[in-house]
Amino acid sequence: MHPYYTQRVLARPGILARLGAVASLHHERLDGEVVNHVLAAAGHKVRPIRRSLIAGLSQREIEVLRLLARGNSKKQVAERLFISEKTVSHHTQHIYPKIGVSTRAGAAIFAMEHDLLADD
């Protein structure tokens, strides 16, 4: 939860809000929004990342869903994404209501219906 709390604490003084938004993303992968901010601050031209959200899922939630639907255990998902099992569980608790399912089988069907199982 420390990335969340980082953002929340730094958001209170308005002058630090933008810094807090970037600092809270310090666990994100190198293909995320944070990289574009760093490159832009260094003077590089960057293209905005446009991601269409499926059922309101974040990119990380889609990654978790994809791996779970492929039959990976929560431990395997955690190892693959370099996050804790508890974080995988947390994501799963948010994914299921967003996609309107209550079982892993339902999640797998949703992933298939939305072409989320294609190889990256």
PDB file of N, CA and C in Angstrom:
ATOM      1  N   MET A   1       0.810  -1.208   0.000  1.00  0.00           N
ATOM      2  CA  MET A   1       0.000   0.000   0.000  1.00  0.00           C
ATOM      3  C   MET A   1       0.855   1.275   0.000  1.00  0.00           C
ATOM      4  N   HIS A   2       2.171   1.146   0.154  1.00  0.00           N
ATOM      5  CA  HIS A   2       2.971   2.365   0.264  1.00  0.00           C
ATOM      6  C   HIS A   2       2.946   3.250  -0.982  1.00  0.00           C
ATOM      7  N   PRO A   3       2.813   2.712  -2.218  1.00  0.00           N
ATOM      8  CA  PRO A   3       2.663   3.641  -3.343  1.00  0.00           C
ATOM      9  C   PRO A   3       1.390   4.478  -3.232  1.00  0.00           C
ATOM     10  N   TYR A   4       0.313   3.852  -2.786  1.00  0.00           N
ATOM     11  CA  TYR A   4      -0.951   4.566  -2.598  1.00  0.00           C
ATOM     12  C   TYR A   4      -0.791   5.663  -1.546  1.00  0.00           C
ATOM     13  N   TYR A   5      -0.184   5.313  -0.409  1.00  0.00           N
ATOM     14  CA  TYR A   5      -0.012   6.294   0.657  1.00  0.00           C
ATOM     15  C   TYR A   5       0.942   7.410   0.238  1.00  0.00           C
ATOM     16  N   THR A   6       1.942   7.077  -0.565  1.00  0.00           N
ATOM     17  CA  THR A   6       2.854   8.100  -1.071  1.00  0.00           C
ATOM     18  C   THR A   6       2.071   9.153  -1.836  1.00  0.00           C
ATOM     19  N   GLN A   7       1.219   8.688  -2.732  1.00  0.00           N
ATOM     20  CA  GLN A   7       0.414   9.610  -3.528  1.00  0.00           C
ATOM     21  C   GLN A   7      -0.506  10.438  -2.646  1.00  0.00           C
ATOM     22  N   ARG A   8      -1.152   9.786  -1.688  1.00  0.00           N
ATOM     23  CA  ARG A   8      -2.098  10.479  -0.816  1.00  0.00           C
ATOM     24  C   ARG A   8      -1.415  11.556   0.030  1.00  0.00           C
ATOM     25  N   VAL A   9      -0.252  11.223   0.602  1.00  0.00           N
ATOM     26  CA  VAL A   9       0.456  12.172   1.468  1.00  0.00           C
ATOM     27  C   VAL A   9       0.956  13.370   0.665  1.00  0.00           C
ATOM     28  N   LEU A  10       1.546  13.089  -0.498  1.00  0.00           N
ATOM     29  CA  LEU A  10       2.092  14.177  -1.299  1.00  0.00           C
ATOM     30  C   LEU A  10       1.014  14.991  -2.019  1.00  0.00           C
ATOM     31  N   ALA A  11      -0.189  14.481  -2.097  1.00  0.00           N
ATOM     32  CA  ALA A  11      -1.271  15.221  -2.750  1.00  0.00           C
ATOM     33  C   ALA A  11      -1.797  16.360  -1.879  1.00  0.00           C
ATOM     34  N   ARG A  12      -1.583  16.249  -0.575  1.00  0.00           N
ATOM     35  CA  ARG A  12      -2.145  17.261   0.331  1.00  0.00           C
ATOM     36  C   ARG A  12      -1.558  18.650   0.110  1.00  0.00           C
ATOM     37  N   PRO A  13      -0.238  18.826   0.091  1.00  0.00           N
ATOM     38  CA  PRO A  13       0.241  20.152  -0.298  1.00  0.00           C
ATOM     39  C   PRO A  13       0.175  20.242  -1.829  1.00  0.00           C
ATOM     40  N   GLY A  14      -0.645  21.149  -2.335  1.00  0.00           N
ATOM     41  CA  GLY A  14      -0.877  21.235  -3.771  1.00  0.00           C
ATOM     42  C   GLY A  14       0.368  21.303  -4.620  1.00  0.00           C
ATOM     43  N   ILE A  15       1.388  21.947  -4.098  1.00  0.00           N
ATOM     44  CA  ILE A  15       2.617  22.102  -4.866  1.00  0.00           C
ATOM     45  C   ILE A  15       3.325  20.759  -5.114  1.00  0.00           C
ATOM     46  N   LEU A  16       3.046  19.764  -4.275  1.00  0.00           N
ATOM     47  CA  LEU A  16       3.685  18.453  -4.415  1.00  0.00           C
ATOM     48  C   LEU A  16       2.793  17.401  -5.082  1.00  0.00           C
ATOM     49  N   ALA A  17       1.592  17.785  -5.487  1.00  0.00           N
ATOM     50  CA  ALA A  17       0.635  16.814  -6.030  1.00  0.00           C
ATOM     51  C   ALA A  17       1.168  16.098  -7.270  1.00  0.00           C
ATOM     52  N   ARG A  18       1.769  16.850  -8.201  1.00  0.00           N
ATOM     53  CA  ARG A  18       2.301  16.205  -9.417  1.00  0.00           C
ATOM     54  C   ARG A  18       3.445  15.264  -9.076  1.00  0.00           C
ATOM     55  N   LEU A  19       4.297  15.680  -8.153  1.00  0.00           N
ATOM     56  CA  LEU A  19       5.396  14.822  -7.710  1.00  0.00           C
ATOM     57  C   LEU A  19       4.841  13.555  -7.071  1.00  0.00           C
ATOM     58  N   GLY A  20       3.790  13.686  -6.271  1.00  0.00           N
ATOM     59  CA  GLY A  20       3.174  12.535  -5.627  1.00  0.00           C
ATOM     60  C   GLY A  20       2.597  11.550  -6.626  1.00  0.00           C
ATOM     61  N   ALA A  21       2.010  12.068  -7.693  1.00  0.00           N
ATOM     62  CA  ALA A  21       1.444  11.195  -8.723  1.00  0.00           C
ATOM     63  C   ALA A  21       2.526  10.355  -9.374  1.00  0.00           C
ATOM     64  N   VAL A  22       3.679  10.952  -9.634  1.00  0.00           N
ATOM     65  CA  VAL A  22       4.798  10.219 -10.238  1.00  0.00           C
ATOM     66  C   VAL A  22       5.436   9.280  -9.212  1.00  0.00           C
ATOM     67  N   ALA A  23       5.659   9.773  -8.003  1.00  0.00           N
ATOM     68  CA  ALA A  23       6.307   8.952  -6.974  1.00  0.00           C
ATOM     69  C   ALA A  23       5.490   7.712  -6.629  1.00  0.00           C
ATOM     70  N   SER A  24       4.182   7.815  -6.704  1.00  0.00           N
ATOM     71  CA  SER A  24       3.339   6.672  -6.360  1.00  0.00           C
ATOM     72  C   SER A  24       3.423   5.556  -7.388  1.00  0.00           C
ATOM     73  N   LEU A  25       4.000   5.831  -8.513  1.00  0.00           N
ATOM     74  CA  LEU A  25       4.105   4.835  -9.582  1.00  0.00           C
ATOM     75  C   LEU A  25       5.462   4.148  -9.618  1.00  0.00           C
ATOM     76  N   HIS A  26       6.233   4.254  -8.565  1.00  0.00           N
ATOM     77  CA  HIS A  26       7.597   3.743  -8.597  1.00  0.00           C
ATOM     78  C   HIS A  26       7.702   2.236  -8.731  1.00  0.00           C
ATOM     79  N   HIS A  27       6.605   1.495  -8.617  1.00  0.00           N
ATOM     80  CA  HIS A  27       6.642   0.051  -8.837  1.00  0.00           C
ATOM     81  C   HIS A  27       6.163  -0.339 -10.231  1.00  0.00           C
ATOM     82  N   GLU A  28       5.808   0.630 -11.029  1.00  0.00           N
ATOM     83  CA  GLU A  28       5.291   0.324 -12.361  1.00  0.00           C
ATOM     84  C   GLU A  28       6.398  -0.168 -13.281  1.00  0.00           C
ATOM     85  N   ARG A  29       5.980  -0.832 -14.328  1.00  0.00           N
ATOM     86  CA  ARG A  29       6.927  -1.386 -15.291  1.00  0.00           C
ATOM     87  C   ARG A  29       7.494  -0.286 -16.175  1.00  0.00           C
ATOM     88  N   LEU A  30       8.564  -0.595 -16.888  1.00  0.00           N
ATOM     89  CA  LEU A  30       9.245   0.394 -17.710  1.00  0.00           C
ATOM     90  C   LEU A  30       8.476   0.825 -18.947  1.00  0.00           C
ATOM     91  N   ASP A  31       7.339   0.208 -19.213  1.00  0.00           N
ATOM     92  CA  ASP A  31       6.547   0.632 -20.365  1.00  0.00           C
ATOM     93  C   ASP A  31       5.342   1.468 -19.937  1.00  0.00           C
ATOM     94  N   GLY A  32       5.314   1.986 -18.706  1.00  0.00           N
ATOM     95  CA  GLY A  32       4.170   2.728 -18.184  1.00  0.00           C
ATOM     96  C   GLY A  32       4.328   4.223 -18.366  1.00  0.00           C
ATOM     97  N   GLU A  33       3.427   4.842 -17.810  1.00  0.00           N
ATOM     98  CA  GLU A  33       3.307   6.293 -17.936  1.00  0.00           C
ATOM     99  C   GLU A  33       4.483   7.010 -17.322  1.00  0.00           C
ATOM    100  N   VAL A  34       5.015   6.517 -16.250  1.00  0.00           N
ATOM    101  CA  VAL A  34       6.136   7.141 -15.526  1.00  0.00           C
ATOM    102  C   VAL A  34       7.322   7.369 -16.459  1.00  0.00           C
ATOM    103  N   VAL A  35       7.615   6.377 -17.326  1.00  0.00           N
ATOM    104  CA  VAL A  35       8.747   6.515 -18.244  1.00  0.00           C
ATOM    105  C   VAL A  35       8.553   7.728 -19.136  1.00  0.00           C
ATOM    106  N   ASN A  36       7.351   7.916 -19.638  1.00  0.00           N
ATOM    107  CA  ASN A  36       7.095   9.084 -20.482  1.00  0.00           C
ATOM    108  C   ASN A  36       7.332  10.386 -19.739  1.00  0.00           C
ATOM    109  N   HIS A  37       6.964  10.439 -18.460  1.00  0.00           N
ATOM    110  CA  HIS A  37       7.187  11.650 -17.668  1.00  0.00           C
ATOM    111  C   HIS A  37       8.678  11.941 -17.514  1.00  0.00           C
ATOM    112  N   VAL A  38       9.453  10.902 -17.248  1.00  0.00           N
ATOM    113  CA  VAL A  38      10.903  11.082 -17.090  1.00  0.00           C
ATOM    114  C   VAL A  38      11.519  11.536 -18.406  1.00  0.00           C
ATOM    115  N   LEU A  39      11.144  10.876 -19.506  1.00  0.00           N
ATOM    116  CA  LEU A  39      11.683  11.257 -20.813  1.00  0.00           C
ATOM    117  C   LEU A  39      11.296  12.687 -21.180  1.00  0.00           C
ATOM    118  N   ALA A  40      10.048  13.057 -20.905  1.00  0.00           N
ATOM    119  CA  ALA A  40       9.601  14.416 -21.202  1.00  0.00           C
ATOM    120  C   ALA A  40      10.371  15.438 -20.364  1.00  0.00           C
ATOM    121  N   ALA A  41      10.591  15.124 -19.088  1.00  0.00           N
ATOM    122  CA  ALA A  41      11.342  16.032 -18.216  1.00  0.00           C
ATOM    123  C   ALA A  41      12.780  16.191 -18.679  1.00  0.00           C
ATOM    124  N   ALA A  42      13.306  15.155 -19.346  1.00  0.00           N
ATOM    125  CA  ALA A  42      14.688  15.208 -19.855  1.00  0.00           C
ATOM    126  C   ALA A  42      14.755  15.864 -21.228  1.00  0.00           C
ATOM    127  N   GLY A  43      13.610  16.313 -21.742  1.00  0.00           N
ATOM    128  CA  GLY A  43      13.597  17.026 -23.009  1.00  0.00           C
ATOM    129  C   GLY A  43      13.323  16.177 -24.240  1.00  0.00           C
ATOM    130  N   HIS A  44      13.011  14.911 -24.049  1.00  0.00           N
ATOM    131  CA  HIS A  44      12.703  14.041 -25.181  1.00  0.00           C
ATOM    132  C   HIS A  44      11.252  14.214 -25.607  1.00  0.00           C
ATOM    133  N   LYS A  45      11.011  14.030 -26.910  1.00  0.00           N
ATOM    134  CA  LYS A  45       9.631  14.024 -27.380  1.00  0.00           C
ATOM    135  C   LYS A  45       9.035  12.661 -27.076  1.00  0.00           C
ATOM    136  N   VAL A  46       7.861  12.655 -26.513  1.00  0.00           N
ATOM    137  CA  VAL A  46       7.190  11.389 -26.198  1.00  0.00           C
ATOM    138  C   VAL A  46       5.774  11.426 -26.757  1.00  0.00           C
ATOM    139  N   ARG A  47       5.328  10.262 -27.189  1.00  0.00           N
ATOM    140  CA  ARG A  47       3.946  10.137 -27.641  1.00  0.00           C
ATOM    141  C   ARG A  47       3.096   9.714 -26.452  1.00  0.00           C
ATOM    142  N   PRO A  48       1.916  10.272 -26.324  1.00  0.00           N
ATOM    143  CA  PRO A  48       1.062   9.837 -25.215  1.00  0.00           C
ATOM    144  C   PRO A  48       0.666   8.383 -25.385  1.00  0.00           C
ATOM    145  N   ILE A  49       0.611   7.675 -24.277  1.00  0.00           N
ATOM    146  CA  ILE A  49       0.180   6.284 -24.287  1.00  0.00           C
ATOM    147  C   ILE A  49      -1.332   6.279 -24.190  1.00  0.00           C
ATOM    148  N   ARG A  50      -1.949   5.701 -25.177  1.00  0.00           N
ATOM    149  CA  ARG A  50      -3.409   5.614 -25.171  1.00  0.00           C
ATOM    150  C   ARG A  50      -3.783   4.148 -25.012  1.00  0.00           C
ATOM    151  N   ARG A  51      -4.464   3.874 -23.963  1.00  0.00           N
ATOM    152  CA  ARG A  51      -4.904   2.512 -23.707  1.00  0.00           C
ATOM    153  C   ARG A  51      -6.407   2.522 -23.533  1.00  0.00           C
ATOM    154  N   SER A  52      -7.062   1.720 -24.323  1.00  0.00           N
ATOM    155  CA  SER A  52      -8.505   1.621 -24.125  1.00  0.00           C
ATOM    156  C   SER A  52      -8.741   0.626 -23.002  1.00  0.00           C
ATOM    157  N   LEU A  53      -9.515   1.025 -22.053  1.00  0.00           N
ATOM    158  CA  LEU A  53      -9.773   0.186 -20.906  1.00  0.00           C
ATOM    159  C   LEU A  53     -10.906  -0.788 -21.193  1.00  0.00           C
ATOM    160  N   ILE A  54     -10.719  -2.008 -20.800  1.00  0.00           N
ATOM    161  CA  ILE A  54     -11.736  -3.042 -20.936  1.00  0.00           C
ATOM    162  C   ILE A  54     -12.404  -3.173 -19.579  1.00  0.00           C
ATOM    163  N   ALA A  55     -13.688  -2.898 -19.520  1.00  0.00           N
ATOM    164  CA  ALA A  55     -14.480  -3.005 -18.286  1.00  0.00           C
ATOM    165  C   ALA A  55     -13.888  -2.187 -17.139  1.00  0.00           C
ATOM    166  N   GLY A  56     -13.175  -1.129 -17.470  1.00  0.00           N
ATOM    167  CA  GLY A  56     -12.582  -0.296 -16.437  1.00  0.00           C
ATOM    168  C   GLY A  56     -11.361  -0.886 -15.770  1.00  0.00           C
ATOM    169  N   LEU A  57     -10.786  -1.945 -16.353  1.00  0.00           N
ATOM    170  CA  LEU A  57      -9.604  -2.585 -15.779  1.00  0.00           C
ATOM    171  C   LEU A  57      -8.363  -1.756 -16.070  1.00  0.00           C
ATOM    172  N   SER A  58      -7.489  -1.652 -15.084  1.00  0.00           N
ATOM    173  CA  SER A  58      -6.206  -1.000 -15.309  1.00  0.00           C
ATOM    174  C   SER A  58      -5.315  -1.947 -16.108  1.00  0.00           C
ATOM    175  N   GLN A  59      -4.235  -1.428 -16.634  1.00  0.00           N
ATOM    176  CA  GLN A  59      -3.309  -2.277 -17.386  1.00  0.00           C
ATOM    177  C   GLN A  59      -2.775  -3.401 -16.498  1.00  0.00           C
ATOM    178  N   ARG A  60      -2.476  -3.116 -15.253  1.00  0.00           N
ATOM    179  CA  ARG A  60      -1.977  -4.144 -14.334  1.00  0.00           C
ATOM    180  C   ARG A  60      -3.046  -5.200 -14.060  1.00  0.00           C
ATOM    181  N   GLU A  61      -4.298  -4.760 -13.902  1.00  0.00           N
ATOM    182  CA  GLU A  61      -5.376  -5.726 -13.693  1.00  0.00           C
ATOM    183  C   GLU A  61      -5.536  -6.641 -14.902  1.00  0.00           C
ATOM    184  N   ILE A  62      -5.364  -6.095 -16.092  1.00  0.00           N
ATOM    185  CA  ILE A  62      -5.425  -6.922 -17.300  1.00  0.00           C
ATOM    186  C   ILE A  62      -4.299  -7.938 -17.306  1.00  0.00           C
ATOM    187  N   GLU A  63      -3.098  -7.531 -16.888  1.00  0.00           N
ATOM    188  CA  GLU A  63      -1.971  -8.475 -16.817  1.00  0.00           C
ATOM    189  C   GLU A  63      -2.271  -9.607 -15.836  1.00  0.00           C
ATOM    190  N   VAL A  64      -2.815  -9.254 -14.674  1.00  0.00           N
ATOM    191  CA  VAL A  64      -3.159 -10.257 -13.667  1.00  0.00           C
ATOM    192  C   VAL A  64      -4.235 -11.187 -14.204  1.00  0.00           C
ATOM    193  N   LEU A  65      -5.284 -10.617 -14.791  1.00  0.00           N
ATOM    194  CA  LEU A  65      -6.366 -11.426 -15.358  1.00  0.00           C
ATOM    195  C   LEU A  65      -5.838 -12.373 -16.427  1.00  0.00           C
ATOM    196  N   ARG A  66      -5.008 -11.870 -17.313  1.00  0.00           N
ATOM    197  CA  ARG A  66      -4.446 -12.689 -18.391  1.00  0.00           C
ATOM    198  C   ARG A  66      -3.703 -13.897 -17.825  1.00  0.00           C
ATOM    199  N   LEU A  67      -2.879 -13.666 -16.827  1.00  0.00           N
ATOM    200  CA  LEU A  67      -2.092 -14.767 -16.255  1.00  0.00           C
ATOM    201  C   LEU A  67      -2.962 -15.747 -15.480  1.00  0.00           C
ATOM    202  N   LEU A  68      -3.946 -15.246 -14.747  1.00  0.00           N
ATOM    203  CA  LEU A  68      -4.853 -16.133 -14.025  1.00  0.00           C
ATOM    204  C   LEU A  68      -5.675 -16.985 -14.991  1.00  0.00           C
ATOM    205  N   ALA A  69      -6.143 -16.350 -16.073  1.00  0.00           N
ATOM    206  CA  ALA A  69      -6.960 -17.070 -17.051  1.00  0.00           C
ATOM    207  C   ALA A  69      -6.152 -18.131 -17.791  1.00  0.00           C
ATOM    208  N   ARG A  70      -4.847 -17.964 -17.841  1.00  0.00           N
ATOM    209  CA  ARG A  70      -3.974 -18.966 -18.469  1.00  0.00           C
ATOM    210  C   ARG A  70      -3.664 -20.122 -17.528  1.00  0.00           C
ATOM    211  N   GLY A  71      -4.228 -20.081 -16.326  1.00  0.00           N
ATOM    212  CA  GLY A  71      -4.075 -21.191 -15.392  1.00  0.00           C
ATOM    213  C   GLY A  71      -2.973 -21.029 -14.372  1.00  0.00           C
ATOM    214  N   ASN A  72      -2.351 -19.865 -14.306  1.00  0.00           N
ATOM    215  CA  ASN A  72      -1.303 -19.632 -13.315  1.00  0.00           C
ATOM    216  C   ASN A  72      -1.905 -19.489 -11.926  1.00  0.00           C
ATOM    217  N   SER A  73      -1.205 -19.983 -10.927  1.00  0.00           N
ATOM    218  CA  SER A  73      -1.625 -19.775  -9.544  1.00  0.00           C
ATOM    219  C   SER A  73      -1.321 -18.330  -9.159  1.00  0.00           C
ATOM    220  N   LYS A  74      -1.892 -17.879  -8.050  1.00  0.00           N
ATOM    221  CA  LYS A  74      -1.600 -16.517  -7.588  1.00  0.00           C
ATOM    222  C   LYS A  74      -0.113 -16.357  -7.290  1.00  0.00           C
ATOM    223  N   LYS A  75       0.505 -17.405  -6.778  1.00  0.00           N
ATOM    224  CA  LYS A  75       1.945 -17.362  -6.503  1.00  0.00           C
ATOM    225  C   LYS A  75       2.725 -17.197  -7.804  1.00  0.00           C
ATOM    226  N   GLN A  76       2.329 -17.919  -8.845  1.00  0.00           N
ATOM    227  CA  GLN A  76       3.013 -17.808 -10.135  1.00  0.00           C
ATOM    228  C   GLN A  76       2.813 -16.431 -10.752  1.00  0.00           C
ATOM    229  N   VAL A  77       1.604 -15.890 -10.629  1.00  0.00           N
ATOM    230  CA  VAL A  77       1.335 -14.540 -11.135  1.00  0.00           C
ATOM    231  C   VAL A  77       2.222 -13.540 -10.405  1.00  0.00           C
ATOM    232  N   ALA A  78       2.297 -13.670  -9.088  1.00  0.00           N
ATOM    233  CA  ALA A  78       3.128 -12.766  -8.289  1.00  0.00           C
ATOM    234  C   ALA A  78       4.581 -12.819  -8.730  1.00  0.00           C
ATOM    235  N   GLU A  79       5.095 -14.014  -8.923  1.00  0.00           N
ATOM    236  CA  GLU A  79       6.494 -14.162  -9.350  1.00  0.00           C
ATOM    237  C   GLU A  79       6.716 -13.562 -10.737  1.00  0.00           C
ATOM    238  N   ARG A  80       5.783 -13.784 -11.618  1.00  0.00           N
ATOM    239  CA  ARG A  80       5.918 -13.298 -12.997  1.00  0.00           C
ATOM    240  C   ARG A  80       5.875 -11.772 -13.072  1.00  0.00           C
ATOM    241  N   LEU A  81       5.034 -11.155 -12.234  1.00  0.00           N
ATOM    242  CA  LEU A  81       4.872  -9.703 -12.269  1.00  0.00           C
ATOM    243  C   LEU A  81       5.719  -8.970 -11.226  1.00  0.00           C
ATOM    244  N   PHE A  82       6.476  -9.734 -10.438  1.00  0.00           N
ATOM    245  CA  PHE A  82       7.335  -9.155  -9.396  1.00  0.00           C
ATOM    246  C   PHE A  82       6.534  -8.361  -8.367  1.00  0.00           C
ATOM    247  N   ILE A  83       5.409  -8.954  -7.956  1.00  0.00           N
ATOM    248  CA  ILE A  83       4.574  -8.378  -6.912  1.00  0.00           C
ATOM    249  C   ILE A  83       4.277  -9.472  -5.896  1.00  0.00           C
ATOM    250  N   SER A  84       3.674  -9.119  -4.785  1.00  0.00           N
ATOM    251  CA  SER A  84       3.380 -10.114  -3.757  1.00  0.00           C
ATOM    252  C   SER A  84       2.075 -10.858  -4.082  1.00  0.00           C
ATOM    253  N   GLU A  85       1.929 -12.039  -3.474  1.00  0.00           N
ATOM    254  CA  GLU A  85       0.682 -12.791  -3.635  1.00  0.00           C
ATOM    255  C   GLU A  85      -0.499 -11.985  -3.099  1.00  0.00           C
ATOM    256  N   LYS A  86      -0.264 -11.260  -2.030  1.00  0.00           N
ATOM    257  CA  LYS A  86      -1.328 -10.437  -1.445  1.00  0.00           C
ATOM    258  C   LYS A  86      -1.783  -9.371  -2.441  1.00  0.00           C
ATOM    259  N   THR A  87      -0.844  -8.813  -3.195  1.00  0.00           N
ATOM    260  CA  THR A  87      -1.193  -7.819  -4.202  1.00  0.00           C
ATOM    261  C   THR A  87      -2.003  -8.465  -5.327  1.00  0.00           C
ATOM    262  N   VAL A  88      -1.639  -9.688  -5.717  1.00  0.00           N
ATOM    263  CA  VAL A  88      -2.415 -10.413  -6.727  1.00  0.00           C
ATOM    264  C   VAL A  88      -3.837 -10.613  -6.223  1.00  0.00           C
ATOM    265  N   SER A  89      -3.985 -11.017  -4.965  1.00  0.00           N
ATOM    266  CA  SER A  89      -5.317 -11.193  -4.383  1.00  0.00           C
ATOM    267  C   SER A  89      -6.095  -9.887  -4.385  1.00  0.00           C
ATOM    268  N   HIS A  90      -5.411  -8.803  -4.040  1.00  0.00           N
ATOM    269  CA  HIS A  90      -6.042  -7.480  -4.028  1.00  0.00           C
ATOM    270  C   HIS A  90      -6.559  -7.132  -5.422  1.00  0.00           C
ATOM    271  N   HIS A  91      -5.722  -7.341  -6.446  1.00  0.00           N
ATOM    272  CA  HIS A  91      -6.145  -7.068  -7.819  1.00  0.00           C
ATOM    273  C   HIS A  91      -7.338  -7.945  -8.197  1.00  0.00           C
ATOM    274  N   THR A  92      -7.265  -9.219  -7.826  1.00  0.00           N
ATOM    275  CA  THR A  92      -8.337 -10.158  -8.163  1.00  0.00           C
ATOM    276  C   THR A  92      -9.665  -9.712  -7.549  1.00  0.00           C
ATOM    277  N   GLN A  93      -9.607  -9.219  -6.319  1.00  0.00           N
ATOM    278  CA  GLN A  93     -10.822  -8.750  -5.653  1.00  0.00           C
ATOM    279  C   GLN A  93     -11.447  -7.557  -6.370  1.00  0.00           C
ATOM    280  N   HIS A  94     -10.634  -6.800  -7.100  1.00  0.00           N
ATOM    281  CA  HIS A  94     -11.169  -5.679  -7.874  1.00  0.00           C
ATOM    282  C   HIS A  94     -11.571  -6.097  -9.282  1.00  0.00           C
ATOM    283  N   ILE A  95     -10.867  -7.065  -9.838  1.00  0.00           N
ATOM    284  CA  ILE A  95     -11.136  -7.510 -11.211  1.00  0.00           C
ATOM    285  C   ILE A  95     -12.510  -8.162 -11.318  1.00  0.00           C
ATOM    286  N   TYR A  96     -12.788  -9.118 -10.446  1.00  0.00           N
ATOM    287  CA  TYR A  96     -14.018  -9.902 -10.566  1.00  0.00           C
ATOM    288  C   TYR A  96     -15.277  -9.036 -10.596  1.00  0.00           C
ATOM    289  N   PRO A  97     -15.447  -8.089  -9.665  1.00  0.00           N
ATOM    290  CA  PRO A  97     -16.661  -7.253  -9.739  1.00  0.00           C
ATOM    291  C   PRO A  97     -16.700  -6.387 -11.010  1.00  0.00           C
ATOM    292  N   LYS A  98     -15.552  -5.908 -11.448  1.00  0.00           N
ATOM    293  CA  LYS A  98     -15.524  -5.069 -12.652  1.00  0.00           C
ATOM    294  C   LYS A  98     -15.993  -5.829 -13.883  1.00  0.00           C
ATOM    295  N   ILE A  99     -15.631  -7.120 -13.961  1.00  0.00           N
ATOM    296  CA  ILE A  99     -16.000  -7.887 -15.148  1.00  0.00           C
ATOM    297  C   ILE A  99     -17.264  -8.706 -14.935  1.00  0.00           C
ATOM    298  N   GLY A 100     -17.835  -8.620 -13.743  1.00  0.00           N
ATOM    299  CA  GLY A 100     -19.112  -9.253 -13.463  1.00  0.00           C
ATOM    300  C   GLY A 100     -19.063 -10.762 -13.313  1.00  0.00           C
ATOM    301  N   VAL A 101     -17.992 -11.274 -12.711  1.00  0.00           N
ATOM    302  CA  VAL A 101     -17.878 -12.716 -12.482  1.00  0.00           C
ATOM    303  C   VAL A 101     -17.526 -12.963 -11.024  1.00  0.00           C
ATOM    304  N   SER A 102     -17.639 -14.233 -10.620  1.00  0.00           N
ATOM    305  CA  SER A 102     -17.283 -14.565  -9.240  1.00  0.00           C
ATOM    306  C   SER A 102     -16.365 -15.783  -9.164  1.00  0.00           C
ATOM    307  N   THR A 103     -15.974 -16.314 -10.316  1.00  0.00           N
ATOM    308  CA  THR A 103     -15.106 -17.493 -10.327  1.00  0.00           C
ATOM    309  C   THR A 103     -13.979 -17.307 -11.336  1.00  0.00           C
ATOM    310  N   ARG A 104     -12.935 -18.104 -11.157  1.00  0.00           N
ATOM    311  CA  ARG A 104     -11.810 -18.066 -12.088  1.00  0.00           C
ATOM    312  C   ARG A 104     -12.271 -18.513 -13.480  1.00  0.00           C
ATOM    313  N   ALA A 105     -13.175 -19.487 -13.546  1.00  0.00           N
ATOM    314  CA  ALA A 105     -13.691 -19.942 -14.844  1.00  0.00           C
ATOM    315  C   ALA A 105     -14.405 -18.803 -15.567  1.00  0.00           C
ATOM    316  N   GLY A 106     -15.199 -18.050 -14.816  1.00  0.00           N
ATOM    317  CA  GLY A 106     -15.874 -16.891 -15.406  1.00  0.00           C
ATOM    318  C   GLY A 106     -14.878 -15.857 -15.893  1.00  0.00           C
ATOM    319  N   ALA A 107     -13.820 -15.651 -15.121  1.00  0.00           N
ATOM    320  CA  ALA A 107     -12.773 -14.700 -15.511  1.00  0.00           C
ATOM    321  C   ALA A 107     -12.065 -15.176 -16.780  1.00  0.00           C
ATOM    322  N   ALA A 108     -11.826 -16.483 -16.878  1.00  0.00           N
ATOM    323  CA  ALA A 108     -11.164 -17.039 -18.065  1.00  0.00           C
ATOM    324  C   ALA A 108     -12.039 -16.846 -19.304  1.00  0.00           C
ATOM    325  N   ILE A 109     -13.335 -17.058 -19.153  1.00  0.00           N
ATOM    326  CA  ILE A 109     -14.252 -16.854 -20.278  1.00  0.00           C
ATOM    327  C   ILE A 109     -14.255 -15.386 -20.704  1.00  0.00           C
ATOM    328  N   PHE A 110     -14.300 -14.492 -19.724  1.00  0.00           N
ATOM    329  CA  PHE A 110     -14.246 -13.058 -20.022  1.00  0.00           C
ATOM    330  C   PHE A 110     -12.962 -12.730 -20.788  1.00  0.00           C
ATOM    331  N   ALA A 111     -11.840 -13.257 -20.322  1.00  0.00           N
ATOM    332  CA  ALA A 111     -10.551 -12.997 -20.974  1.00  0.00           C
ATOM    333  C   ALA A 111     -10.558 -13.509 -22.411  1.00  0.00           C
ATOM    334  N   MET A 112     -11.139 -14.680 -22.639  1.00  0.00           N
ATOM    335  CA  MET A 112     -11.217 -15.222 -23.999  1.00  0.00           C
ATOM    336  C   MET A 112     -12.121 -14.360 -24.878  1.00  0.00           C
ATOM    337  N   GLU A 113     -13.257 -13.955 -24.347  1.00  0.00           N
ATOM    338  CA  GLU A 113     -14.199 -13.138 -25.106  1.00  0.00           C
ATOM    339  C   GLU A 113     -13.610 -11.794 -25.501  1.00  0.00           C
ATOM    340  N   HIS A 114     -12.656 -11.301 -24.735  1.00  0.00           N
ATOM    341  CA  HIS A 114     -12.050  -9.994 -24.987  1.00  0.00           C
ATOM    342  C   HIS A 114     -10.640 -10.099 -25.553  1.00  0.00           C
ATOM    343  N   ASP A 115     -10.290 -11.261 -26.067  1.00  0.00           N
ATOM    344  CA  ASP A 115      -8.988 -11.486 -26.705  1.00  0.00           C
ATOM    345  C   ASP A 115      -7.808 -11.089 -25.824  1.00  0.00           C
ATOM    346  N   LEU A 116      -7.892 -11.419 -24.552  1.00  0.00           N
ATOM    347  CA  LEU A 116      -6.814 -11.089 -23.630  1.00  0.00           C
ATOM    348  C   LEU A 116      -5.790 -12.218 -23.481  1.00  0.00           C
ATOM    349  N   LEU A 117      -6.032 -13.339 -24.126  1.00  0.00           N
ATOM    350  CA  LEU A 117      -5.128 -14.473 -23.962  1.00  0.00           C
ATOM    351  C   LEU A 117      -4.106 -14.594 -25.073  1.00  0.00           C
ATOM    352  N   ALA A 118      -4.174 -13.709 -26.047  1.00  0.00           N
ATOM    353  CA  ALA A 118      -3.192 -13.746 -27.136  1.00  0.00           C
ATOM    354  C   ALA A 118      -1.802 -13.512 -26.585  1.00  0.00           C
ATOM    355  N   ASP A 119      -0.817 -14.160 -27.179  1.00  0.00           N
ATOM    356  CA  ASP A 119       0.565 -13.975 -26.736  1.00  0.00           C
ATOM    357  C   ASP A 119       0.992 -12.539 -26.942  1.00  0.00           C
ATOM    358  N   ASP A 120       1.784 -12.056 -26.006  1.00  0.00           N
ATOM    359  CA  ASP A 120       2.259 -10.663 -26.073  1.00  0.00           C
ATOM    360  C   ASP A 120       3.361 -10.508 -27.083  1.00  0.00           C
TER     361      ASP A 120
END
